[in-house]
Each structure stands twice: as C-alpha cells, then as structure tokens.
C-alpha atoms as a PDB file:
ATOM      1  CA  MET A   1       0.000   0.000   0.000  1.00  0.00           C
ATOM      2  CA  GLU A   2       1.400   3.362  -0.989  1.00  0.00           C
ATOM      3  CA  LEU A   3       1.547   5.710   1.982  1.00  0.00           C
ATOM      4  CA  ALA A   4       0.211   9.251   1.715  1.00  0.00           C
ATOM      5  CA  GLU A   5       2.551  12.026   0.747  1.00  0.00           C
ATOM      6  CA  HIS A   6       4.667  13.624   3.423  1.00  0.00           C
ATOM      7  CA  PRO A   7       7.319  16.373   3.292  1.00  0.00           C
ATOM      8  CA  CYS A   8       9.876  13.875   4.660  1.00  0.00           C
ATOM      9  CA  TRP A   9       9.888  11.671   1.571  1.00  0.00           C
ATOM     10  CA  ASP A  10       9.336  11.468  -2.164  1.00  0.00           C
ATOM     11  CA  GLN A  11       7.427   8.198  -1.951  1.00  0.00           C
ATOM     12  CA  ALA A  12       6.672   5.512   0.660  1.00  0.00           C
ATOM     13  CA  PHE A  13       4.829   2.211   0.965  1.00  0.00           C
ATOM     14  CA  ALA A  14       3.977  -0.506   3.482  1.00  0.00           C
ATOM     15  CA  VAL A  15       3.263  -4.193   2.992  1.00  0.00           C
ATOM     16  CA  GLU A  16       2.243  -7.060   5.239  1.00  0.00           C
ATOM     17  CA  VAL A  17       4.307 -10.221   4.834  1.00  0.00           C
ATOM     18  CA  PRO A  18       2.487 -13.463   5.749  1.00  0.00           C
ATOM     19  CA  LEU A  19       5.416 -14.987   7.632  1.00  0.00           C
ATOM     20  CA  SER A  20       6.777 -14.852  11.149  1.00  0.00           C
ATOM     21  CA  LEU A  21       9.580 -12.344  11.529  1.00  0.00           C
ATOM     22  CA  THR A  22      12.975 -14.004  11.740  1.00  0.00           C
ATOM     23  CA  SER A  23      16.630 -13.119  12.271  1.00  0.00           C
ATOM     24  CA  LYS A  24      19.341 -13.782   9.723  1.00  0.00           C
ATOM     25  CA  SER A  25      22.081 -13.505  12.335  1.00  0.00           C
ATOM     26  CA  ASN A  26      20.882 -16.692  14.018  1.00  0.00           C
ATOM     27  CA  TYR A  27      21.154 -18.608  10.737  1.00  0.00           C
ATOM     28  CA  ARG A  28      24.631 -17.332   9.856  1.00  0.00           C
ATOM     29  CA  ARG A  29      26.107 -19.336  12.703  1.00  0.00           C
ATOM     30  CA  GLN A  30      24.541 -22.522  11.322  1.00  0.00           C
ATOM     31  CA  ARG A  31      25.037 -21.818   7.622  1.00  0.00           C
ATOM     32  CA  SER A  32      24.471 -25.409   6.650  1.00  0.00           C
ATOM     33  CA  GLY A  33      21.372 -27.483   6.589  1.00  0.00           C
ATOM     34  CA  ARG A  34      17.699 -26.830   6.835  1.00  0.00           C
ATOM     35  CA  ASN A  35      17.883 -23.630   8.897  1.00  0.00           C
ATOM     36  CA  TRP A  36      19.860 -21.738   6.251  1.00  0.00           C
ATOM     37  CA  ARG A  37      17.538 -23.004   3.485  1.00  0.00           C
ATOM     38  CA  ASP A  38      14.562 -21.861   5.567  1.00  0.00           C
ATOM     39  CA  HIS A  39      15.988 -18.357   5.740  1.00  0.00           C
ATOM     40  CA  GLN A  40      16.685 -18.305   2.015  1.00  0.00           C
ATOM     41  CA  ALA A  41      13.040 -19.277   1.445  1.00  0.00           C
ATOM     42  CA  PHE A  42      12.014 -16.474   3.844  1.00  0.00           C
ATOM     43  CA  GLU A  43      13.940 -13.935   1.743  1.00  0.00           C
ATOM     44  CA  LEU A  44      12.321 -15.209  -1.473  1.00  0.00           C
ATOM     45  CA  VAL A  45       8.831 -14.690  -0.040  1.00  0.00           C
ATOM     46  CA  VAL A  46       9.734 -11.229   1.273  1.00  0.00           C
ATOM     47  CA  ARG A  47      11.197 -10.252  -2.121  1.00  0.00           C
ATOM     48  CA  ALA A  48       8.029 -11.423  -3.900  1.00  0.00           C
ATOM     49  CA  ARG A  49       5.787  -9.411  -1.534  1.00  0.00           C
ATOM     50  CA  LEU A  50       7.963  -6.324  -2.044  1.00  0.00           C
ATOM     51  CA  ARG A  51       7.674  -6.668  -5.830  1.00  0.00           C
ATOM     52  CA  GLN A  52       3.887  -6.869  -5.527  1.00  0.00           C
ATOM     53  CA  ALA A  53       3.669  -3.839  -3.229  1.00  0.00           C
ATOM     54  CA  LEU A  54       6.217  -1.579  -4.921  1.00  0.00           C
ATOM     55  CA  PRO A  55       4.373   1.591  -5.978  1.00  0.00           C
ATOM     56  CA  GLU A  56       4.431   2.747  -9.558  1.00  0.00           C
ATOM     57  CA  GLY A  57       7.250   5.185 -10.184  1.00  0.00           C
ATOM     58  CA  TRP A  58       9.553   3.891  -7.408  1.00  0.00           C
ATOM     59  CA  GLU A  59      13.084   4.810  -8.483  1.00  0.00           C
ATOM     60  CA  LEU A  60      16.175   2.883  -7.450  1.00  0.00           C
ATOM     61  CA  GLY A  61      18.560   5.357  -9.066  1.00  0.00           C
ATOM     62  CA  ASP A  62      21.369   4.520 -11.460  1.00  0.00           C
ATOM     63  CA  ALA A  63      22.963   1.162 -10.609  1.00  0.00           C
ATOM     64  CA  ASP A  64      26.342   2.462 -11.807  1.00  0.00           C
ATOM     65  CA  ALA A  65      26.180   5.606  -9.658  1.00  0.00           C
ATOM     66  CA  LYS A  66      27.859   5.861  -6.284  1.00  0.00           C
ATOM     67  CA  VAL A  67      25.558   4.938  -3.397  1.00  0.00           C
ATOM     68  CA  ILE A  68      25.556   8.556  -2.185  1.00  0.00           C
ATOM     69  CA  GLU A  69      24.198   9.625  -5.601  1.00  0.00           C
ATOM     70  CA  ARG A  70      21.235   7.217  -5.434  1.00  0.00           C
ATOM     71  CA  PRO A  71      17.998   7.885  -3.543  1.00  0.00           C
ATOM     72  CA  SER A  72      18.257   7.440   0.202  1.00  0.00           C
ATOM     73  CA  VAL A  73      15.930   4.794   1.625  1.00  0.00           C
ATOM     74  CA  VAL A  74      14.498   4.416   5.118  1.00  0.00           C
ATOM     75  CA  MET A  75      13.110   1.052   6.256  1.00  0.00           C
ATOM     76  CA  ALA A  76      10.774   0.046   9.095  1.00  0.00           C
ATOM     77  CA  VAL A  77      10.233  -3.546  10.258  1.00  0.00           C
ATOM     78  CA  LEU A  78       7.418  -4.304  12.712  1.00  0.00           C
ATOM     79  CA  GLY A  79       6.240  -7.608  14.094  1.00  0.00           C
ATOM     80  CA  GLN A  80       6.012 -10.052  16.935  1.00  0.00           C
ATOM     81  CA  THR A  81       9.040 -12.245  17.526  1.00  0.00           C
ATOM     82  CA  LEU A  82      11.267 -13.844  20.131  1.00  0.00           C
ATOM     83  CA  TYR A  83      14.344 -12.442  18.358  1.00  0.00           C
ATOM     84  CA  ASP A  84      15.990  -9.197  19.449  1.00  0.00           C
ATOM     85  CA  SER A  85      14.584  -6.344  17.387  1.00  0.00           C
ATOM     86  CA  GLY A  86      18.084  -5.315  16.348  1.00  0.00           C
ATOM     87  CA  ASN A  87      18.625  -8.676  14.660  1.00  0.00           C
ATOM     88  CA  THR A  88      15.514  -8.673  12.470  1.00  0.00           C
ATOM     89  CA  PRO A  89      16.237  -6.091   9.706  1.00  0.00           C
ATOM     90  CA  LYS A  90      19.230  -7.722   7.945  1.00  0.00           C
ATOM     91  CA  GLY A  91      17.366 -10.523   6.160  1.00  0.00           C
ATOM     92  CA  VAL A  92      14.663  -8.079   5.112  1.00  0.00           C
ATOM     93  CA  ALA A  93      17.239  -5.594   3.800  1.00  0.00           C
ATOM     94  CA  ASP A  94      18.917  -8.365   1.814  1.00  0.00           C
ATOM     95  CA  ALA A  95      15.549  -9.371   0.355  1.00  0.00           C
ATOM     96  CA  ALA A  96      14.951  -5.748  -0.719  1.00  0.00           C
ATOM     97  CA  GLN A  97      18.063  -5.759  -2.921  1.00  0.00           C
ATOM     98  CA  GLY A  98      17.186  -5.507  -6.581  1.00  0.00           C
ATOM     99  CA  VAL A  99      13.572  -4.544  -5.793  1.00  0.00           C
ATOM    100  CA  VAL A 100      13.484  -1.537  -3.460  1.00  0.00           C
ATOM    101  CA  VAL A 101      17.205  -0.696  -3.662  1.00  0.00           C
ATOM    102  CA  HIS A 102      20.109  -1.812  -5.832  1.00  0.00           C
ATOM    103  CA  THR A 103      22.062  -2.814  -2.722  1.00  0.00           C
ATOM    104  CA  ASP A 104      21.218  -2.650   0.960  1.00  0.00           C
ATOM    105  CA  ALA A 105      23.913   0.037   1.295  1.00  0.00           C
ATOM    106  CA  SER A 106      21.231   2.486   0.075  1.00  0.00           C
ATOM    107  CA  ILE A 107      19.171   1.826   3.217  1.00  0.00           C
ATOM    108  CA  ASP A 108      20.351   4.724   5.358  1.00  0.00           C
ATOM    109  CA  ALA A 109      18.032   4.297   8.340  1.00  0.00           C
ATOM    110  CA  THR A 110      16.323   1.271   9.828  1.00  0.00           C
ATOM    111  CA  VAL A 111      13.647   1.182  12.508  1.00  0.00           C
ATOM    112  CA  ALA A 112      12.831  -2.206  14.038  1.00  0.00           C
ATOM    113  CA  ILE A 113       9.883  -2.359  16.392  1.00  0.00           C
ATOM    114  CA  THR A 114       8.876  -5.668  17.894  1.00  0.00           C
ATOM    115  CA  ARG A 115       6.453  -7.081  20.390  1.00  0.00           C
ATOM    116  CA  ARG A 116       8.019  -9.867  22.416  1.00  0.00           C
ATOM    117  CA  GLY A 117       6.404 -13.248  21.815  1.00  0.00           C
ATOM    118  CA  ALA A 118       6.193 -16.150  19.421  1.00  0.00           C
ATOM    119  CA  GLY A 119       5.662 -14.998  15.850  1.00  0.00           C
ATOM    120  CA  ASP A 120       2.039 -14.541  14.864  1.00  0.00           C
ATOM    121  CA  GLY A 121       2.570 -15.408  11.204  1.00  0.00           C
ATOM    122  CA  ARG A 122       2.833 -11.875   9.827  1.00  0.00           C
ATOM    123  CA  PHE A 123       4.962  -8.758   9.949  1.00  0.00           C
ATOM    124  CA  THR A 124       4.976  -5.344   8.312  1.00  0.00           C
ATOM    125  CA  LEU A 125       7.635  -3.713   6.176  1.00  0.00           C
ATOM    126  CA  ALA A 126       7.645  -0.081   5.159  1.00  0.00           C
ATOM    127  CA  PHE A 127      10.061   1.863   2.981  1.00  0.00           C
ATOM    128  CA  ALA A 128      10.408   5.559   2.223  1.00  0.00           C
ATOM    129  CA  ARG A 129      12.476   7.015  -0.609  1.00  0.00           C
ATOM    130  CA  LEU A 130      14.218  10.347  -0.005  1.00  0.00           C
ATOM    131  CA  PRO A 131      16.282  12.424  -2.405  1.00  0.00           C
ATOM    132  CA  ALA A 132      19.925  11.477  -2.831  1.00  0.00           C
ATOM    133  CA  GLY A 133      22.143  13.364  -0.429  1.00  0.00           C
ATOM    134  CA  SER A 134      19.475  13.805   2.246  1.00  0.00           C
ATOM    135  CA  ASP A 135      20.972  14.918   5.545  1.00  0.00           C
ATOM    136  CA  LEU A 136      20.760  13.044   8.843  1.00  0.00           C
ATOM    137  CA  ALA A 137      17.916  15.193  10.162  1.00  0.00           C
ATOM    138  CA  ALA A 138      15.811  14.433   7.067  1.00  0.00           C
ATOM    139  CA  LYS A 139      16.494  10.709   7.413  1.00  0.00           C
ATOM    140  CA  ALA A 140      15.617  10.779  11.120  1.00  0.00           C
ATOM    141  CA  ALA A 141      12.373  12.656  10.467  1.00  0.00           C
ATOM    142  CA  ALA A 142      11.423  10.225   7.694  1.00  0.00           C
ATOM    143  CA  ALA A 143      12.256   7.216   9.890  1.00  0.00           C
ATOM    144  CA  ALA A 144      10.095   8.537  12.743  1.00  0.00           C
ATOM    145  CA  GLU A 145       7.106   9.265  10.501  1.00  0.00           C
ATOM    146  CA  LEU A 146       7.497   5.969   8.630  1.00  0.00           C
ATOM    147  CA  ALA A 147       7.541   4.043  11.920  1.00  0.00           C
ATOM    148  CA  VAL A 148       4.310   5.703  13.076  1.00  0.00           C
ATOM    149  CA  ARG A 149       2.534   5.009   9.797  1.00  0.00           C
ATOM    150  CA  ALA A 150       3.861   1.454   9.574  1.00  0.00           C
ATOM    151  CA  ALA A 151       2.613   0.744  13.108  1.00  0.00           C
ATOM    152  CA  ALA A 152      -0.834   2.090  12.202  1.00  0.00           C
ATOM    153  CA  PHE A 153      -0.830  -0.096   9.080  1.00  0.00           C
ATOM    154  CA  HIS A 154       0.298  -3.158  11.075  1.00  0.00           C
ATOM    155  CA  GLU A 155      -2.436  -2.641  13.658  1.00  0.00           C
ATOM    156  CA  GLY A 156      -5.126  -2.150  11.005  1.00  0.00           C
ATOM    157  CA  ARG A 157      -5.635   1.548  11.676  1.00  0.00           C
ATOM    158  CA  LEU A 158      -4.385   2.597   8.240  1.00  0.00           C
ATOM    159  CA  ALA A 159      -6.515   0.938   5.589  1.00  0.00           C
ATOM    160  CA  PRO A 160      -5.367   0.345   2.000  1.00  0.00           C
END
C-alpha cells in the first residue's frame, strides 16, 4: 500500500508479509542445513511481496552511480518475535536488494519495532524514498514518521 505524501519523503509504501519475523544472524552461525535453506526461502517470499507492493514510479537510481548519488531509503520492520529487534532487519534488507534498492547500502536508516512473543505469522515492512544526499535530520524525520505510519498499518488503523 502506498503511503500518503509527506514532506519527509518522495514516496513511501507498506506491505504485510504473511510470515513470522525471523533473524538472519541466528542462521549465519549454522550456515548449513535446513535452517539456512529456511531463511533463504524467507527472503524469497519477502522479495516477492515487495515486488507486488512496490508503488508505480519507485526509483532505485542509477545502478552504476555511487551509493551517495542514489535515492536514500528508510526502512521500518514491525512484528512479533522472540528475536531481538536489532537482529531482524538484515534478512529483510537483503531481500529488498534488486527490488526496493540496488544494494542494501542504500538503506540509510532502519527502525525495528517488535512485540516480544512467538511470531504470529505476519509482519509489516515499510520503505520511504528520499532524495539522494538527504541529511541526517531528514532521514531521522522520515524514519520517525514511517515508523508511526507502519505501526498504524500493522495494527489495522491505516486501511489500504
């Protein structure tokens, strides 16, 4: 769902992913076997949902340009999980590569908000695109507003 315009960003969207939120850092330690394959499958589903939700006109910038010359992106991840909130964004950021951003290096701010508990089979992702070269204050303002709107979307208070 495309989020309403805001002075903090050029464009933003939120999407619900029908999976329990997970942590890539836990799988890196056990890079073999079923657990790693499970996380790869998780990233494939996330990538597919992002492709479906990506609003028309979303610009990644020139793939050959320096990262600082591409649009700046802010990401919010919200869900219920037993994992530490700081560990949840990496797999999502990796899944966004090639869809929302060329590389996850373009994600300049990440907000992870979790409710402690076993996963409830869904989580919310939100992304905002800012102009290239945005300063820290602009990124912080966009991250704060994106987090509020993503939480409203996650809790069903922001309808598509």
